[in-house]
Amino acid sequence: MMTFRKVAEYLEAEPFQPFRIKMASGATFEIRHPEMLLLGKTTANVYSAQPGSAESRLRWHDVSLLLMETLEPIESSASESVKGTQ
């Protein structure tokens, strides 16, 4: 279970760091921009697109904070390329 405050910490981070939400059902959502998640007190609306699909497949998912199991940062390709050059 995630609290409103914990999700808000990830969402409001400066600078924003992309993160992944893992749900109790096994579903995952990658949040790569703060506008991809609309946070409420007990639920969140997650905006996602199916990989390789037409624009018509973009949609919102209503998810419960109670069913969020973990939040984890996603390594960005820019930071990965910097790591590779050092």
N, C-alpha and C. Protein backbone atom coordinates (compact mmCIF):
# COMPACT_ATOMS: atom_id res chain seq x y z
N MET A 1 0.84 -1.18 0.00
CA MET A 1 0.00 0.00 0.00
C MET A 1 0.88 1.25 0.00
N MET A 2 0.58 2.16 -0.88
CA MET A 2 1.30 3.43 -0.93
C MET A 2 0.41 4.53 -0.36
N THR A 3 1.04 5.46 0.30
CA THR A 3 0.31 6.61 0.83
C THR A 3 0.34 7.74 -0.19
N PHE A 4 -0.60 8.64 -0.06
CA PHE A 4 -0.65 9.83 -0.90
C PHE A 4 0.69 10.55 -0.85
N ARG A 5 1.23 10.73 0.36
CA ARG A 5 2.47 11.49 0.55
C ARG A 5 3.65 10.84 -0.17
N LYS A 6 3.75 9.52 -0.10
CA LYS A 6 4.87 8.81 -0.74
C LYS A 6 4.83 8.97 -2.26
N VAL A 7 3.66 8.80 -2.85
CA VAL A 7 3.52 8.96 -4.30
C VAL A 7 3.80 10.43 -4.67
N ALA A 8 3.32 11.36 -3.87
CA ALA A 8 3.54 12.78 -4.14
C ALA A 8 5.02 13.12 -4.10
N GLU A 9 5.79 12.49 -3.22
CA GLU A 9 7.25 12.73 -3.16
C GLU A 9 7.90 12.40 -4.50
N TYR A 10 7.54 11.27 -5.08
CA TYR A 10 8.08 10.89 -6.39
C TYR A 10 7.60 11.85 -7.47
N LEU A 11 6.34 12.21 -7.43
CA LEU A 11 5.73 13.04 -8.46
C LEU A 11 6.26 14.47 -8.44
N GLU A 12 6.56 15.00 -7.26
CA GLU A 12 6.97 16.39 -7.10
C GLU A 12 8.47 16.58 -7.00
N ALA A 13 9.25 15.51 -7.18
CA ALA A 13 10.71 15.60 -7.05
C ALA A 13 11.28 16.61 -8.04
N GLU A 14 12.27 17.36 -7.58
CA GLU A 14 12.96 18.34 -8.43
C GLU A 14 14.44 17.99 -8.48
N PRO A 15 15.00 17.67 -9.61
CA PRO A 15 14.32 17.47 -10.88
C PRO A 15 13.53 16.17 -10.86
N PHE A 16 12.54 16.11 -11.73
CA PHE A 16 11.70 14.92 -11.80
C PHE A 16 12.53 13.71 -12.24
N GLN A 17 12.35 12.60 -11.55
CA GLN A 17 13.01 11.33 -11.89
C GLN A 17 11.94 10.33 -12.30
N PRO A 18 11.97 9.83 -13.54
CA PRO A 18 10.97 8.83 -13.96
C PRO A 18 10.95 7.66 -12.98
N PHE A 19 9.74 7.09 -12.76
CA PHE A 19 9.61 5.97 -11.84
C PHE A 19 8.57 4.98 -12.33
N ARG A 20 8.62 3.80 -11.75
CA ARG A 20 7.71 2.70 -12.12
C ARG A 20 6.82 2.39 -10.93
N ILE A 21 5.53 2.18 -11.20
CA ILE A 21 4.57 1.75 -10.19
C ILE A 21 4.30 0.27 -10.43
N LYS A 22 4.46 -0.55 -9.39
CA LYS A 22 4.09 -1.97 -9.48
C LYS A 22 2.84 -2.18 -8.64
N MET A 23 1.84 -2.78 -9.28
CA MET A 23 0.55 -3.02 -8.63
C MET A 23 0.48 -4.44 -8.07
N ALA A 24 -0.44 -4.66 -7.14
CA ALA A 24 -0.65 -5.98 -6.54
C ALA A 24 -1.04 -7.00 -7.60
N SER A 25 -1.69 -6.58 -8.66
CA SER A 25 -2.12 -7.49 -9.74
C SER A 25 -0.97 -7.94 -10.62
N GLY A 26 0.20 -7.29 -10.47
CA GLY A 26 1.33 -7.58 -11.33
C GLY A 26 1.50 -6.55 -12.45
N ALA A 27 0.50 -5.71 -12.64
CA ALA A 27 0.59 -4.66 -13.66
C ALA A 27 1.65 -3.63 -13.25
N THR A 28 2.29 -3.04 -14.24
CA THR A 28 3.25 -1.97 -13.98
C THR A 28 2.93 -0.77 -14.85
N PHE A 29 3.26 0.39 -14.34
CA PHE A 29 3.07 1.65 -15.08
C PHE A 29 4.35 2.45 -14.97
N GLU A 30 4.89 2.89 -16.11
CA GLU A 30 6.08 3.73 -16.11
C GLU A 30 5.64 5.18 -16.22
N ILE A 31 6.03 5.96 -15.22
CA ILE A 31 5.71 7.38 -15.18
C ILE A 31 6.95 8.14 -15.61
N ARG A 32 6.96 8.60 -16.86
CA ARG A 32 8.14 9.27 -17.41
C ARG A 32 8.01 10.78 -17.43
N HIS A 33 6.84 11.28 -17.03
CA HIS A 33 6.61 12.73 -16.95
C HIS A 33 5.56 12.95 -15.87
N PRO A 34 5.68 14.02 -15.08
CA PRO A 34 4.71 14.25 -13.99
C PRO A 34 3.26 14.32 -14.45
N GLU A 35 3.02 14.72 -15.69
CA GLU A 35 1.65 14.84 -16.17
C GLU A 35 1.04 13.49 -16.55
N MET A 36 1.79 12.41 -16.41
CA MET A 36 1.26 11.08 -16.70
C MET A 36 0.50 10.49 -15.50
N LEU A 37 0.50 11.21 -14.37
CA LEU A 37 -0.16 10.71 -13.16
C LEU A 37 -0.94 11.84 -12.51
N LEU A 38 -2.23 11.63 -12.33
CA LEU A 38 -3.09 12.57 -11.62
C LEU A 38 -3.42 11.93 -10.29
N LEU A 39 -2.88 12.50 -9.21
CA LEU A 39 -2.94 11.89 -7.88
C LEU A 39 -4.10 12.42 -7.06
N GLY A 40 -4.90 11.51 -6.51
CA GLY A 40 -5.95 11.84 -5.57
C GLY A 40 -5.59 11.30 -4.19
N LYS A 41 -6.44 11.47 -3.22
CA LYS A 41 -6.15 11.01 -1.86
C LYS A 41 -6.11 9.49 -1.73
N THR A 42 -6.96 8.77 -2.45
CA THR A 42 -6.99 7.31 -2.34
C THR A 42 -6.83 6.59 -3.68
N THR A 43 -6.88 7.34 -4.78
CA THR A 43 -6.74 6.76 -6.11
C THR A 43 -5.82 7.63 -6.96
N ALA A 44 -5.42 7.10 -8.09
CA ALA A 44 -4.63 7.85 -9.05
C ALA A 44 -5.11 7.50 -10.44
N ASN A 45 -5.02 8.44 -11.34
CA ASN A 45 -5.29 8.21 -12.76
C ASN A 45 -3.94 8.19 -13.46
N VAL A 46 -3.65 7.07 -14.12
CA VAL A 46 -2.37 6.89 -14.79
C VAL A 46 -2.61 6.91 -16.29
N TYR A 47 -1.89 7.76 -17.01
CA TYR A 47 -1.99 7.87 -18.45
C TYR A 47 -0.94 6.97 -19.07
N SER A 48 -1.34 6.10 -19.98
CA SER A 48 -0.37 5.20 -20.60
C SER A 48 -0.73 4.95 -22.06
N ALA A 49 0.26 4.42 -22.77
CA ALA A 49 0.07 4.04 -24.17
C ALA A 49 0.57 2.62 -24.33
N GLN A 50 -0.06 1.87 -25.20
CA GLN A 50 0.40 0.52 -25.50
C GLN A 50 1.62 0.64 -26.41
N PRO A 51 2.71 -0.05 -26.11
CA PRO A 51 3.91 0.03 -26.96
C PRO A 51 3.61 -0.36 -28.40
N GLY A 52 4.09 0.45 -29.33
CA GLY A 52 3.93 0.14 -30.74
C GLY A 52 2.52 0.28 -31.26
N SER A 53 1.66 0.99 -30.52
CA SER A 53 0.27 1.11 -30.96
C SER A 53 0.00 2.49 -31.53
N ALA A 54 -1.14 2.59 -32.17
CA ALA A 54 -1.58 3.87 -32.72
C ALA A 54 -1.98 4.81 -31.59
N GLU A 55 -2.05 6.09 -31.87
CA GLU A 55 -2.40 7.08 -30.87
C GLU A 55 -3.76 6.80 -30.23
N SER A 56 -4.64 6.13 -30.93
CA SER A 56 -5.97 5.84 -30.41
C SER A 56 -5.92 4.89 -29.21
N ARG A 57 -4.77 4.26 -28.95
CA ARG A 57 -4.64 3.32 -27.84
C ARG A 57 -4.17 4.02 -26.55
N LEU A 58 -4.02 5.33 -26.56
CA LEU A 58 -3.68 6.08 -25.35
C LEU A 58 -4.88 6.08 -24.43
N ARG A 59 -4.65 5.85 -23.11
CA ARG A 59 -5.79 5.81 -22.21
C ARG A 59 -5.40 6.09 -20.77
N TRP A 60 -6.41 6.36 -19.97
CA TRP A 60 -6.25 6.56 -18.53
C TRP A 60 -6.64 5.29 -17.81
N HIS A 61 -5.91 4.97 -16.75
CA HIS A 61 -6.22 3.84 -15.88
C HIS A 61 -6.51 4.40 -14.49
N ASP A 62 -7.62 4.03 -13.89
CA ASP A 62 -7.92 4.41 -12.51
C ASP A 62 -7.35 3.32 -11.62
N VAL A 63 -6.43 3.69 -10.72
CA VAL A 63 -5.80 2.70 -9.83
C VAL A 63 -5.93 3.15 -8.38
N SER A 64 -5.97 2.18 -7.49
CA SER A 64 -6.08 2.45 -6.06
C SER A 64 -4.70 2.53 -5.43
N LEU A 65 -4.48 3.51 -4.57
CA LEU A 65 -3.22 3.60 -3.85
C LEU A 65 -3.04 2.38 -2.95
N LEU A 66 -4.14 1.81 -2.47
CA LEU A 66 -4.08 0.63 -1.61
C LEU A 66 -3.48 -0.58 -2.34
N LEU A 67 -3.61 -0.61 -3.67
CA LEU A 67 -3.13 -1.75 -4.45
C LEU A 67 -1.76 -1.51 -5.08
N MET A 68 -1.16 -0.34 -4.82
CA MET A 68 0.20 -0.09 -5.28
C MET A 68 1.16 -0.77 -4.30
N GLU A 69 2.03 -1.64 -4.84
CA GLU A 69 2.97 -2.35 -3.98
C GLU A 69 4.30 -1.63 -3.85
N THR A 70 4.87 -1.20 -4.97
CA THR A 70 6.16 -0.53 -4.91
C THR A 70 6.25 0.62 -5.91
N LEU A 71 7.12 1.55 -5.60
CA LEU A 71 7.53 2.62 -6.50
C LEU A 71 9.03 2.50 -6.62
N GLU A 72 9.55 2.55 -7.83
CA GLU A 72 10.99 2.46 -8.00
C GLU A 72 11.45 3.37 -9.13
N PRO A 73 12.60 4.02 -8.96
CA PRO A 73 13.12 4.89 -10.01
C PRO A 73 13.44 4.09 -11.26
N ILE A 74 13.30 4.74 -12.41
CA ILE A 74 13.68 4.15 -13.71
C ILE A 74 14.95 4.86 -14.14
N GLU A 75 15.96 4.07 -14.49
CA GLU A 75 17.19 4.66 -15.02
C GLU A 75 16.89 5.31 -16.36
N SER A 76 17.26 6.56 -16.52
CA SER A 76 17.04 7.22 -17.81
C SER A 76 18.18 6.89 -18.74
N SER A 77 17.93 6.96 -20.04
CA SER A 77 18.96 6.64 -21.03
C SER A 77 20.11 7.62 -20.96
N ALA A 78 19.85 8.88 -20.56
CA ALA A 78 20.92 9.89 -20.45
C ALA A 78 21.88 9.50 -19.33
N SER A 79 21.36 9.06 -18.19
CA SER A 79 22.25 8.69 -17.09
C SER A 79 22.98 7.39 -17.41
N GLU A 80 22.37 6.49 -18.18
CA GLU A 80 23.03 5.26 -18.56
C GLU A 80 24.19 5.54 -19.51
N SER A 81 24.02 6.50 -20.42
CA SER A 81 25.09 6.81 -21.36
C SER A 81 26.25 7.50 -20.64
N VAL A 82 25.95 8.29 -19.61
CA VAL A 82 27.01 8.94 -18.83
C VAL A 82 27.79 7.88 -18.06
N LYS A 83 27.10 6.89 -17.48
CA LYS A 83 27.77 5.82 -16.75
C LYS A 83 28.70 5.02 -17.67
N GLY A 84 28.27 4.82 -18.91
CA GLY A 84 29.05 4.04 -19.85
C GLY A 84 30.32 4.74 -20.31
N THR A 85 30.38 6.08 -20.22
CA THR A 85 31.53 6.83 -20.70
C THR A 85 32.55 7.06 -19.60
N GLN A 86 32.25 6.73 -18.39
CA GLN A 86 33.19 6.97 -17.30
C GLN A 86 34.08 5.80 -17.04
